[in-house]
C-alpha atoms as a PDB file:
ATOM      1  CA  MET A   1      -0.089   0.045   0.184  1.00  0.00           C
ATOM      2  CA  ARG A   2       2.911   2.172   0.864  1.00  0.00           C
ATOM      3  CA  ALA A   3       4.584   1.567  -2.307  1.00  0.00           C
ATOM      4  CA  LEU A   4       1.485   2.473  -4.191  1.00  0.00           C
ATOM      5  CA  ALA A   5       1.098   5.669  -2.349  1.00  0.00           C
ATOM      6  CA  ALA A   6       4.658   6.511  -3.129  1.00  0.00           C
ATOM      7  CA  GLN A   7       4.246   5.805  -6.848  1.00  0.00           C
ATOM      8  CA  LEU A   8       1.116   7.646  -7.018  1.00  0.00           C
ATOM      9  CA  VAL A   9       2.877  11.010  -5.283  1.00  0.00           C
ATOM     10  CA  SER A  10       5.968  10.726  -7.421  1.00  0.00           C
ATOM     11  CA  HIS A  11       3.772  10.285 -10.488  1.00  0.00           C
ATOM     12  CA  LEU A  12       1.629  13.421  -9.644  1.00  0.00           C
ATOM     13  CA  CYS A  13       4.498  15.451  -8.553  1.00  0.00           C
ATOM     14  CA  LYS A  14       6.670  15.038 -11.320  1.00  0.00           C
ATOM     15  CA  ARG A  15       7.687  18.201 -13.335  1.00  0.00           C
ATOM     16  CA  ARG A  16       7.356  18.373 -16.875  1.00  0.00           C
ATOM     17  CA  PRO A  17       9.243  20.980 -18.802  1.00  0.00           C
ATOM     18  CA  GLY A  18       6.546  21.758 -21.024  1.00  0.00           C
ATOM     19  CA  HIS A  19       4.347  23.061 -18.336  1.00  0.00           C
ATOM     20  CA  LEU A  20       6.610  25.265 -16.266  1.00  0.00           C
ATOM     21  CA  GLN A  21       5.677  28.696 -15.924  1.00  0.00           C
ATOM     22  CA  ASN A  22       8.171  31.530 -16.154  1.00  0.00           C
ATOM     23  CA  ARG A  23       8.871  33.118 -12.838  1.00  0.00           C
ATOM     24  CA  ASN A  24       8.930  37.065 -12.782  1.00  0.00           C
ATOM     25  CA  PHE A  25      10.524  37.406  -9.481  1.00  0.00           C
ATOM     26  CA  SER A  26      13.172  39.810  -9.081  1.00  0.00           C
ATOM     27  CA  SER A  27      15.613  37.002  -7.929  1.00  0.00           C
ATOM     28  CA  ALA A  28      15.129  33.207  -8.140  1.00  0.00           C
ATOM     29  CA  ASN A  29      16.869  32.738  -4.792  1.00  0.00           C
ATOM     30  CA  GLY A  30      15.121  29.839  -2.936  1.00  0.00           C
ATOM     31  CA  LYS A  31      15.834  31.597   0.541  1.00  0.00           C
ATOM     32  CA  GLU A  32      13.931  34.824  -0.653  1.00  0.00           C
ATOM     33  CA  GLU A  33      10.919  32.629  -1.499  1.00  0.00           C
ATOM     34  CA  LEU A  34      10.974  30.731   1.957  1.00  0.00           C
ATOM     35  CA  SER A  35      11.165  34.086   3.675  1.00  0.00           C
ATOM     36  CA  LEU A  36       8.058  35.319   1.512  1.00  0.00           C
ATOM     37  CA  GLU A  37       6.159  32.080   2.354  1.00  0.00           C
ATOM     38  CA  GLU A  38       7.068  32.464   6.054  1.00  0.00           C
ATOM     39  CA  ASP A  39       6.001  36.213   6.178  1.00  0.00           C
ATOM     40  CA  ALA A  40       2.595  35.267   4.486  1.00  0.00           C
ATOM     41  CA  GLU A  41       1.983  32.403   7.163  1.00  0.00           C
ATOM     42  CA  ARG A  42       2.934  34.789   9.997  1.00  0.00           C
ATOM     43  CA  LYS A  43       0.429  37.456   8.798  1.00  0.00           C
ATOM     44  CA  ILE A  44      -2.173  34.941   8.184  1.00  0.00           C
ATOM     45  CA  GLY A  45      -1.381  33.618  11.735  1.00  0.00           C
ATOM     46  CA  TRP A  46      -1.740  37.238  13.444  1.00  0.00           C
ATOM     47  CA  PHE A  47      -5.019  37.596  11.432  1.00  0.00           C
ATOM     48  CA  LEU A  48      -6.664  34.268  12.662  1.00  0.00           C
ATOM     49  CA  LYS A  49      -5.340  35.358  16.339  1.00  0.00           C
ATOM     50  CA  LEU A  50      -7.038  38.536  16.015  1.00  0.00           C
ATOM     51  CA  LEU A  51     -10.166  36.844  14.611  1.00  0.00           C
ATOM     52  CA  PHE A  52     -10.340  34.544  17.579  1.00  0.00           C
ATOM     53  CA  ALA A  53      -9.697  37.373  20.203  1.00  0.00           C
ATOM     54  CA  GLY A  54     -12.581  39.265  18.518  1.00  0.00           C
ATOM     55  CA  THR A  55     -14.899  36.402  18.424  1.00  0.00           C
ATOM     56  CA  ALA A  56     -13.993  35.603  22.166  1.00  0.00           C
ATOM     57  CA  THR A  57     -14.521  39.117  23.201  1.00  0.00           C
ATOM     58  CA  VAL A  58     -18.141  39.310  21.462  1.00  0.00           C
ATOM     59  CA  VAL A  59     -19.048  36.131  23.631  1.00  0.00           C
ATOM     60  CA  ALA A  60     -17.641  37.281  26.418  1.00  0.00           C
ATOM     61  CA  TYR A  61     -19.847  40.445  26.523  1.00  0.00           C
ATOM     62  CA  GLN A  62     -22.792  38.478  25.869  1.00  0.00           C
ATOM     63  CA  PHE A  63     -22.316  36.177  29.031  1.00  0.00           C
ATOM     64  CA  PHE A  64     -20.600  38.054  31.470  1.00  0.00           C
ATOM     65  CA  PRO A  65     -23.590  40.718  32.437  1.00  0.00           C
ATOM     66  CA  TYR A  66     -25.362  37.380  33.362  1.00  0.00           C
ATOM     67  CA  LEU A  67     -22.396  36.329  35.613  1.00  0.00           C
ATOM     68  CA  GLY A  68     -22.480  39.716  37.330  1.00  0.00           C
ATOM     69  CA  ASP A  69     -26.129  39.528  38.191  1.00  0.00           C
ATOM     70  CA  ASN A  70     -25.396  36.126  39.587  1.00  0.00           C
ATOM     71  CA  LEU A  71     -22.371  37.343  41.786  1.00  0.00           C
ATOM     72  CA  ILE A  72     -24.450  40.263  43.134  1.00  0.00           C
ATOM     73  CA  GLN A  73     -27.316  37.981  44.349  1.00  0.00           C
ATOM     74  CA  GLN A  74     -24.719  35.424  45.728  1.00  0.00           C
ATOM     75  CA  SER A  75     -23.468  38.435  47.709  1.00  0.00           C
ATOM     76  CA  VAL A  76     -26.882  39.367  49.010  1.00  0.00           C
ATOM     77  CA  SER A  77     -27.637  36.196  49.955  1.00  0.00           C
ATOM     78  CA  LEU A  78     -24.238  36.064  51.981  1.00  0.00           C
ATOM     79  CA  LEU A  79     -25.641  38.869  53.964  1.00  0.00           C
ATOM     80  CA  GLN A  80     -28.775  36.574  55.006  1.00  0.00           C
ATOM     81  CA  VAL A  81     -26.406  33.986  56.745  1.00  0.00           C
ATOM     82  CA  LYS A  82     -26.117  34.014  60.594  1.00  0.00           C
ATOM     83  CA  ASP A  83     -22.241  33.782  60.310  1.00  0.00           C
ATOM     84  CA  PRO A  84     -20.596  37.089  60.752  1.00  0.00           C
ATOM     85  CA  LEU A  85     -17.567  35.908  58.512  1.00  0.00           C
ATOM     86  CA  PHE A  86     -19.965  35.271  55.586  1.00  0.00           C
ATOM     87  CA  LYS A  87     -21.702  38.694  56.209  1.00  0.00           C
ATOM     88  CA  ARG A  88     -18.433  40.107  55.994  1.00  0.00           C
ATOM     89  CA  MET A  89     -17.447  38.619  52.738  1.00  0.00           C
ATOM     90  CA  GLY A  90     -20.807  39.647  51.273  1.00  0.00           C
ATOM     91  CA  ALA A  91     -20.757  43.205  52.293  1.00  0.00           C
ATOM     92  CA  SER A  92     -17.013  43.405  51.029  1.00  0.00           C
ATOM     93  CA  ARG A  93     -18.159  41.837  47.845  1.00  0.00           C
ATOM     94  CA  LEU A  94     -21.096  44.248  47.439  1.00  0.00           C
ATOM     95  CA  ALA A  95     -18.723  47.463  48.129  1.00  0.00           C
ATOM     96  CA  ARG A  96     -16.499  46.286  45.296  1.00  0.00           C
ATOM     97  CA  PHE A  97     -19.402  45.781  42.995  1.00  0.00           C
ATOM     98  CA  ALA A  98     -20.911  49.323  43.819  1.00  0.00           C
ATOM     99  CA  VAL A  99     -18.854  51.323  41.007  1.00  0.00           C
ATOM    100  CA  ASP A 100     -21.606  52.926  38.956  1.00  0.00           C
ATOM    101  CA  ASP A 101     -25.298  54.102  39.638  1.00  0.00           C
ATOM    102  CA  GLU A 102     -26.630  50.958  37.650  1.00  0.00           C
ATOM    103  CA  ARG A 103     -24.966  48.444  39.708  1.00  0.00           C
ATOM    104  CA  ARG A 104     -25.981  50.249  43.131  1.00  0.00           C
ATOM    105  CA  MET A 105     -29.564  50.384  42.078  1.00  0.00           C
ATOM    106  CA  LYS A 106     -29.390  46.688  41.349  1.00  0.00           C
ATOM    107  CA  ILE A 107     -27.902  45.819  44.575  1.00  0.00           C
ATOM    108  CA  VAL A 108     -30.931  48.035  46.076  1.00  0.00           C
ATOM    109  CA  GLU A 109     -33.363  46.093  43.862  1.00  0.00           C
ATOM    110  CA  MET A 110     -31.878  42.908  45.032  1.00  0.00           C
ATOM    111  CA  GLY A 111     -32.452  43.740  48.596  1.00  0.00           C
ATOM    112  CA  GLY A 112     -28.746  44.330  49.510  1.00  0.00           C
ATOM    113  CA  ALA A 113     -29.177  47.635  50.991  1.00  0.00           C
ATOM    114  CA  GLN A 114     -31.960  46.633  53.544  1.00  0.00           C
ATOM    115  CA  GLU A 115     -29.675  43.499  54.234  1.00  0.00           C
ATOM    116  CA  LEU A 116     -26.677  45.941  54.970  1.00  0.00           C
ATOM    117  CA  VAL A 117     -28.775  47.937  57.415  1.00  0.00           C
ATOM    118  CA  ASN A 118     -29.853  44.701  59.277  1.00  0.00           C
ATOM    119  CA  MET A 119     -26.408  43.699  59.255  1.00  0.00           C
ATOM    120  CA  LEU A 120     -25.259  46.875  60.896  1.00  0.00           C
ATOM    121  CA  ALA A 121     -28.171  47.037  63.247  1.00  0.00           C
ATOM    122  CA  ASN A 122     -27.270  43.379  64.340  1.00  0.00           C
ATOM    123  CA  ALA A 123     -23.447  43.457  64.213  1.00  0.00           C
ATOM    124  CA  LYS A 124     -21.785  42.328  67.434  1.00  0.00           C
ATOM    125  CA  ASP A 125     -18.127  43.043  66.624  1.00  0.00           C
ATOM    126  CA  ASP A 126     -16.246  46.061  65.021  1.00  0.00           C
ATOM    127  CA  LYS A 127     -15.068  44.119  61.767  1.00  0.00           C
ATOM    128  CA  THR A 128     -18.568  43.509  60.866  1.00  0.00           C
ATOM    129  CA  ARG A 129     -19.745  46.997  61.665  1.00  0.00           C
ATOM    130  CA  LYS A 130     -16.630  47.969  59.522  1.00  0.00           C
ATOM    131  CA  GLU A 131     -17.520  46.098  56.382  1.00  0.00           C
ATOM    132  CA  ALA A 132     -21.113  47.124  56.860  1.00  0.00           C
ATOM    133  CA  LEU A 133     -20.433  50.672  56.791  1.00  0.00           C
ATOM    134  CA  LYS A 134     -17.925  50.332  53.955  1.00  0.00           C
ATOM    135  CA  ALA A 135     -20.649  48.941  51.607  1.00  0.00           C
ATOM    136  CA  LEU A 136     -23.322  51.411  52.740  1.00  0.00           C
ATOM    137  CA  ALA A 137     -20.928  54.303  52.205  1.00  0.00           C
ATOM    138  CA  ALA A 138     -20.118  52.847  48.424  1.00  0.00           C
ATOM    139  CA  LEU A 139     -23.894  52.601  48.119  1.00  0.00           C
ATOM    140  CA  SER A 140     -24.575  55.986  49.132  1.00  0.00           C
ATOM    141  CA  CYS A 141     -22.642  57.651  46.272  1.00  0.00           C
ATOM    142  CA  SER A 142     -25.858  57.294  44.224  1.00  0.00           C
ATOM    143  CA  GLU A 143     -28.627  59.573  45.234  1.00  0.00           C
ATOM    144  CA  GLU A 144     -31.575  57.060  44.723  1.00  0.00           C
ATOM    145  CA  ALA A 145     -29.618  54.495  46.718  1.00  0.00           C
ATOM    146  CA  ALA A 146     -29.071  57.074  49.361  1.00  0.00           C
ATOM    147  CA  GLY A 147     -32.845  57.826  49.436  1.00  0.00           C
ATOM    148  CA  PHE A 148     -33.651  54.116  49.892  1.00  0.00           C
ATOM    149  CA  LEU A 149     -30.912  53.993  52.793  1.00  0.00           C
ATOM    150  CA  HIS A 150     -32.680  56.957  54.262  1.00  0.00           C
ATOM    151  CA  ARG A 151     -36.120  55.361  54.241  1.00  0.00           C
ATOM    152  CA  ALA A 152     -34.732  52.209  55.458  1.00  0.00           C
ATOM    153  CA  GLY A 153     -33.664  53.930  58.695  1.00  0.00           C
ATOM    154  CA  ALA A 154     -29.771  53.788  58.053  1.00  0.00           C
ATOM    155  CA  VAL A 155     -29.179  57.385  59.435  1.00  0.00           C
ATOM    156  CA  PRO A 156     -30.184  57.089  62.970  1.00  0.00           C
ATOM    157  CA  LEU A 157     -28.698  53.633  63.066  1.00  0.00           C
ATOM    158  CA  ILE A 158     -25.436  54.921  61.686  1.00  0.00           C
ATOM    159  CA  ARG A 159     -25.396  57.701  64.171  1.00  0.00           C
ATOM    160  CA  SER A 160     -26.018  55.153  67.066  1.00  0.00           C
ATOM    161  CA  THR A 161     -22.993  52.980  65.871  1.00  0.00           C
ATOM    162  CA  PRO A 162     -20.825  52.706  68.907  1.00  0.00           C
ATOM    163  CA  ASP A 163     -17.200  54.226  68.134  1.00  0.00           C
ATOM    164  CA  SER A 164     -14.631  51.841  67.370  1.00  0.00           C
ATOM    165  CA  LEU A 165     -11.024  51.829  68.837  1.00  0.00           C
ATOM    166  CA  GLU A 166      -9.610  49.242  66.867  1.00  0.00           C
ATOM    167  CA  GLU A 167     -11.062  50.004  63.522  1.00  0.00           C
ATOM    168  CA  ALA A 168     -10.117  53.500  62.480  1.00  0.00           C
ATOM    169  CA  GLU A 169     -11.511  52.704  58.918  1.00  0.00           C
ATOM    170  CA  ALA A 170     -14.888  52.291  60.457  1.00  0.00           C
ATOM    171  CA  GLU A 171     -15.015  55.810  61.805  1.00  0.00           C
ATOM    172  CA  LYS A 172     -13.767  57.289  58.534  1.00  0.00           C
ATOM    173  CA  TYR A 173     -16.947  55.446  56.655  1.00  0.00           C
ATOM    174  CA  LYS A 174     -19.249  56.570  59.425  1.00  0.00           C
ATOM    175  CA  SER A 175     -18.352  59.987  59.060  1.00  0.00           C
ATOM    176  CA  ASN A 176     -18.320  60.093  55.425  1.00  0.00           C
ATOM    177  CA  LEU A 177     -21.894  58.652  55.447  1.00  0.00           C
ATOM    178  CA  LEU A 178     -23.061  61.281  57.965  1.00  0.00           C
ATOM    179  CA  LYS A 179     -21.755  63.672  55.688  1.00  0.00           C
ATOM    180  CA  ARG A 180     -23.260  62.392  52.667  1.00  0.00           C
ATOM    181  CA  PHE A 181     -26.851  62.229  54.060  1.00  0.00           C
ATOM    182  CA  ARG A 182     -26.265  65.921  55.293  1.00  0.00           C
ATOM    183  CA  GLU A 183     -25.437  66.809  51.938  1.00  0.00           C
ATOM    184  CA  LEU A 184     -28.594  65.199  50.488  1.00  0.00           C
ATOM    185  CA  ARG A 185     -30.367  66.867  53.429  1.00  0.00           C
ATOM    186  CA  TYR A 186     -31.306  63.556  54.941  1.00  0.00           C
ATOM    187  CA  ASP A 187     -30.258  64.662  58.333  1.00  0.00           C
END
């Protein structure tokens, strides 16, 4: 079988002097021909890589918004657990997600703002209070979210939060929140 394949290849690949085409290259040097072929292969390779990257980007933009909503929902669910560690993790994640008004309102719509207020009210340690205040401060950057926090009773709760000797950041978040509510006339 191999012998037959070898004969077929040698028969098909024979060059017949009558059918040779004239080459109009500036040089008939074999090295230059190879470099031209390699250059063409490299350019096609870059084109295929760019095509793949573009396709992957389009697919990612189609799927990641759904992933973001799920992560926000999971973070809100973490606030409903009784363990303070999980509550801190959920509040920390919500603080990182609250980067624009759309996401802040998404957190409010999913019940995250009310859960953060409840978390602050029921917090037994300074670390939990700090994370709740941090997430509330991130949410209060939006006027609509700040209005919801005011209606949920966050302002008197923030005022009554005990001062923290260990967590200086908690005091910073507390003062920033109270300042923000004063700016919006929610005293």
